[in-house]
Amino acid sequence: MVNSDNVLQEIARLGFANIKNVYGTDGKMIPPHKLPPQVTASIVKFSERVIKSDGNQTIIERKYQLVDKRSSLELLGKHLKLFSDKVEIETGDITLEELIGTITA
């Protein structure tokens, strides 16, 4: 089911994606099929190649590209009204009628 809460949660997941989540406790990159869905949702591009393989050891190079966090965070910021195009004017103790009078006079 798609609703506004689901959309906001997904935008937040993308905005707060962290490259550390693709590494295991051993410091090695985790293959994508072993990553949890909340991590794979933030991956845009993945590549893998065997650099060296012999009878004892295989070295695999993995590259991950995560989503553009900035655009997701901007969407969240707009939703939360963190950014405003409005200009607030301090009028002190003057009433609205007095302010309008000074403009039309």
C-alpha atoms as a PDB file:
ATOM      1  CA  MET A   1       0.000   0.000   0.000  1.00  0.00           C
ATOM      2  CA  VAL A   2       1.369   3.387  -0.965  1.00  0.00           C
ATOM      3  CA  ASN A   3       0.639   6.285   1.332  1.00  0.00           C
ATOM      4  CA  SER A   4       2.357   9.479   2.425  1.00  0.00           C
ATOM      5  CA  ASP A   5       3.999   7.837   5.441  1.00  0.00           C
ATOM      6  CA  ASN A   6       5.567   5.112   3.278  1.00  0.00           C
ATOM      7  CA  VAL A   7       6.876   7.686   0.821  1.00  0.00           C
ATOM      8  CA  LEU A   8       8.375   9.822   3.600  1.00  0.00           C
ATOM      9  CA  GLN A   9       9.981   6.761   5.213  1.00  0.00           C
ATOM     10  CA  GLU A  10      11.589   5.784   1.925  1.00  0.00           C
ATOM     11  CA  ILE A  11      12.849   9.323   1.290  1.00  0.00           C
ATOM     12  CA  ALA A  12      14.289   9.355   4.828  1.00  0.00           C
ATOM     13  CA  ARG A  13      15.939   5.965   4.254  1.00  0.00           C
ATOM     14  CA  LEU A  14      17.605   7.308   1.113  1.00  0.00           C
ATOM     15  CA  GLY A  15      18.548  10.608   2.738  1.00  0.00           C
ATOM     16  CA  PHE A  16      20.198   8.932   5.705  1.00  0.00           C
ATOM     17  CA  ALA A  17      21.847   6.096   3.784  1.00  0.00           C
ATOM     18  CA  ASN A  18      25.333   5.355   5.081  1.00  0.00           C
ATOM     19  CA  ILE A  19      28.145   3.695   3.131  1.00  0.00           C
ATOM     20  CA  LYS A  20      29.241   1.957   6.359  1.00  0.00           C
ATOM     21  CA  ASN A  21      26.198  -0.310   6.010  1.00  0.00           C
ATOM     22  CA  VAL A  22      27.765  -2.165   3.059  1.00  0.00           C
ATOM     23  CA  TYR A  23      30.714  -3.324   5.207  1.00  0.00           C
ATOM     24  CA  GLY A  24      30.736  -6.321   7.520  1.00  0.00           C
ATOM     25  CA  THR A  25      32.305  -6.446  10.960  1.00  0.00           C
ATOM     26  CA  ASP A  26      35.456  -7.816   9.311  1.00  0.00           C
ATOM     27  CA  GLY A  27      35.821  -4.588   7.300  1.00  0.00           C
ATOM     28  CA  LYS A  28      35.072  -6.266   3.965  1.00  0.00           C
ATOM     29  CA  MET A  29      32.310  -5.213   1.606  1.00  0.00           C
ATOM     30  CA  ILE A  30      29.249  -7.420   1.809  1.00  0.00           C
ATOM     31  CA  PRO A  31      27.876  -8.918  -1.427  1.00  0.00           C
ATOM     32  CA  PRO A  32      24.553  -7.291  -2.392  1.00  0.00           C
ATOM     33  CA  HIS A  33      22.526 -10.503  -1.988  1.00  0.00           C
ATOM     34  CA  LYS A  34      23.530 -10.572   1.706  1.00  0.00           C
ATOM     35  CA  LEU A  35      22.593  -6.941   2.420  1.00  0.00           C
ATOM     36  CA  PRO A  36      19.263  -6.118   4.097  1.00  0.00           C
ATOM     37  CA  PRO A  37      16.547  -4.470   1.938  1.00  0.00           C
ATOM     38  CA  GLN A  38      16.853  -1.119   3.731  1.00  0.00           C
ATOM     39  CA  VAL A  39      20.482  -0.957   2.564  1.00  0.00           C
ATOM     40  CA  THR A  40      19.965  -2.241  -0.978  1.00  0.00           C
ATOM     41  CA  ALA A  41      17.197   0.337  -1.474  1.00  0.00           C
ATOM     42  CA  SER A  42      19.847   3.052  -1.341  1.00  0.00           C
ATOM     43  CA  ILE A  43      22.177   1.428  -3.895  1.00  0.00           C
ATOM     44  CA  VAL A  44      22.020   2.868  -7.398  1.00  0.00           C
ATOM     45  CA  LYS A  45      24.908   0.992  -8.970  1.00  0.00           C
ATOM     46  CA  PHE A  46      26.943  -2.063  -8.118  1.00  0.00           C
ATOM     47  CA  SER A  47      29.863  -3.767  -9.824  1.00  0.00           C
ATOM     48  CA  GLU A  48      31.998  -6.734  -8.908  1.00  0.00           C
ATOM     49  CA  ARG A  49      35.056  -8.321 -10.471  1.00  0.00           C
ATOM     50  CA  VAL A  50      37.547 -10.969  -9.515  1.00  0.00           C
ATOM     51  CA  ILE A  51      41.004  -9.432  -9.307  1.00  0.00           C
ATOM     52  CA  LYS A  52      42.922 -12.552  -8.421  1.00  0.00           C
ATOM     53  CA  SER A  53      41.964 -16.141  -7.874  1.00  0.00           C
ATOM     54  CA  ASP A  54      44.254 -18.983  -7.050  1.00  0.00           C
ATOM     55  CA  GLY A  55      43.819 -22.217  -5.151  1.00  0.00           C
ATOM     56  CA  ASN A  56      44.095 -20.534  -1.757  1.00  0.00           C
ATOM     57  CA  GLN A  57      42.513 -17.123  -2.116  1.00  0.00           C
ATOM     58  CA  THR A  58      40.114 -15.145  -4.265  1.00  0.00           C
ATOM     59  CA  ILE A  59      40.236 -11.351  -4.233  1.00  0.00           C
ATOM     60  CA  ILE A  60      37.014  -9.666  -5.307  1.00  0.00           C
ATOM     61  CA  GLU A  61      36.627  -5.946  -5.950  1.00  0.00           C
ATOM     62  CA  ARG A  62      33.154  -4.579  -5.219  1.00  0.00           C
ATOM     63  CA  LYS A  63      31.957  -1.060  -5.927  1.00  0.00           C
ATOM     64  CA  TYR A  64      28.742   0.480  -4.649  1.00  0.00           C
ATOM     65  CA  GLN A  65      27.210   3.801  -5.603  1.00  0.00           C
ATOM     66  CA  LEU A  66      24.580   5.119  -3.227  1.00  0.00           C
ATOM     67  CA  VAL A  67      21.699   7.435  -4.077  1.00  0.00           C
ATOM     68  CA  ASP A  68      22.066  11.203  -4.139  1.00  0.00           C
ATOM     69  CA  LYS A  69      21.440  11.985  -0.482  1.00  0.00           C
ATOM     70  CA  ARG A  70      21.123  15.703  -1.063  1.00  0.00           C
ATOM     71  CA  SER A  71      17.956  15.510  -3.158  1.00  0.00           C
ATOM     72  CA  SER A  72      16.305  13.180  -0.630  1.00  0.00           C
ATOM     73  CA  LEU A  73      17.245  15.449   2.261  1.00  0.00           C
ATOM     74  CA  GLU A  74      15.941  18.484   0.361  1.00  0.00           C
ATOM     75  CA  LEU A  75      12.586  16.748  -0.127  1.00  0.00           C
ATOM     76  CA  LEU A  76      12.436  15.935   3.583  1.00  0.00           C
ATOM     77  CA  GLY A  77      13.433  19.483   4.504  1.00  0.00           C
ATOM     78  CA  LYS A  78      10.697  20.923   2.289  1.00  0.00           C
ATOM     79  CA  HIS A  79       8.135  18.570   3.795  1.00  0.00           C
ATOM     80  CA  LEU A  80       9.186  19.579   7.303  1.00  0.00           C
ATOM     81  CA  LYS A  81       9.198  23.258   6.238  1.00  0.00           C
ATOM     82  CA  LEU A  82      12.826  23.666   7.236  1.00  0.00           C
ATOM     83  CA  PHE A  83      13.427  25.950   4.277  1.00  0.00           C
ATOM     84  CA  SER A  84      11.252  28.988   3.786  1.00  0.00           C
ATOM     85  CA  ASP A  85      10.869  31.410   0.917  1.00  0.00           C
ATOM     86  CA  LYS A  86       8.791  33.667   3.150  1.00  0.00           C
ATOM     87  CA  VAL A  87      10.213  36.915   4.454  1.00  0.00           C
ATOM     88  CA  GLU A  88       9.265  37.741   8.008  1.00  0.00           C
ATOM     89  CA  ILE A  89       9.058  41.414   8.883  1.00  0.00           C
ATOM     90  CA  GLU A  90       9.275  42.739  12.417  1.00  0.00           C
ATOM     91  CA  THR A  91       6.674  45.454  12.878  1.00  0.00           C
ATOM     92  CA  GLY A  92       7.191  46.111  16.573  1.00  0.00           C
ATOM     93  CA  ASP A  93       4.034  47.364  18.246  1.00  0.00           C
ATOM     94  CA  ILE A  94       2.501  48.846  15.095  1.00  0.00           C
ATOM     95  CA  THR A  95      -0.916  47.499  14.097  1.00  0.00           C
ATOM     96  CA  LEU A  96      -1.694  46.151  10.648  1.00  0.00           C
ATOM     97  CA  GLU A  97      -3.959  49.139   9.952  1.00  0.00           C
ATOM     98  CA  GLU A  98      -1.159  51.590  10.865  1.00  0.00           C
ATOM     99  CA  LEU A  99       1.282  49.675   8.667  1.00  0.00           C
ATOM    100  CA  ILE A 100      -1.113  49.741   5.712  1.00  0.00           C
ATOM    101  CA  GLY A 101      -1.688  53.475   6.345  1.00  0.00           C
ATOM    102  CA  THR A 102       2.010  54.184   6.025  1.00  0.00           C
ATOM    103  CA  ILE A 103       2.166  52.308   2.732  1.00  0.00           C
ATOM    104  CA  THR A 104      -0.857  54.024   1.139  1.00  0.00           C
ATOM    105  CA  ALA A 105      -0.031  57.499   2.439  1.00  0.00           C
END
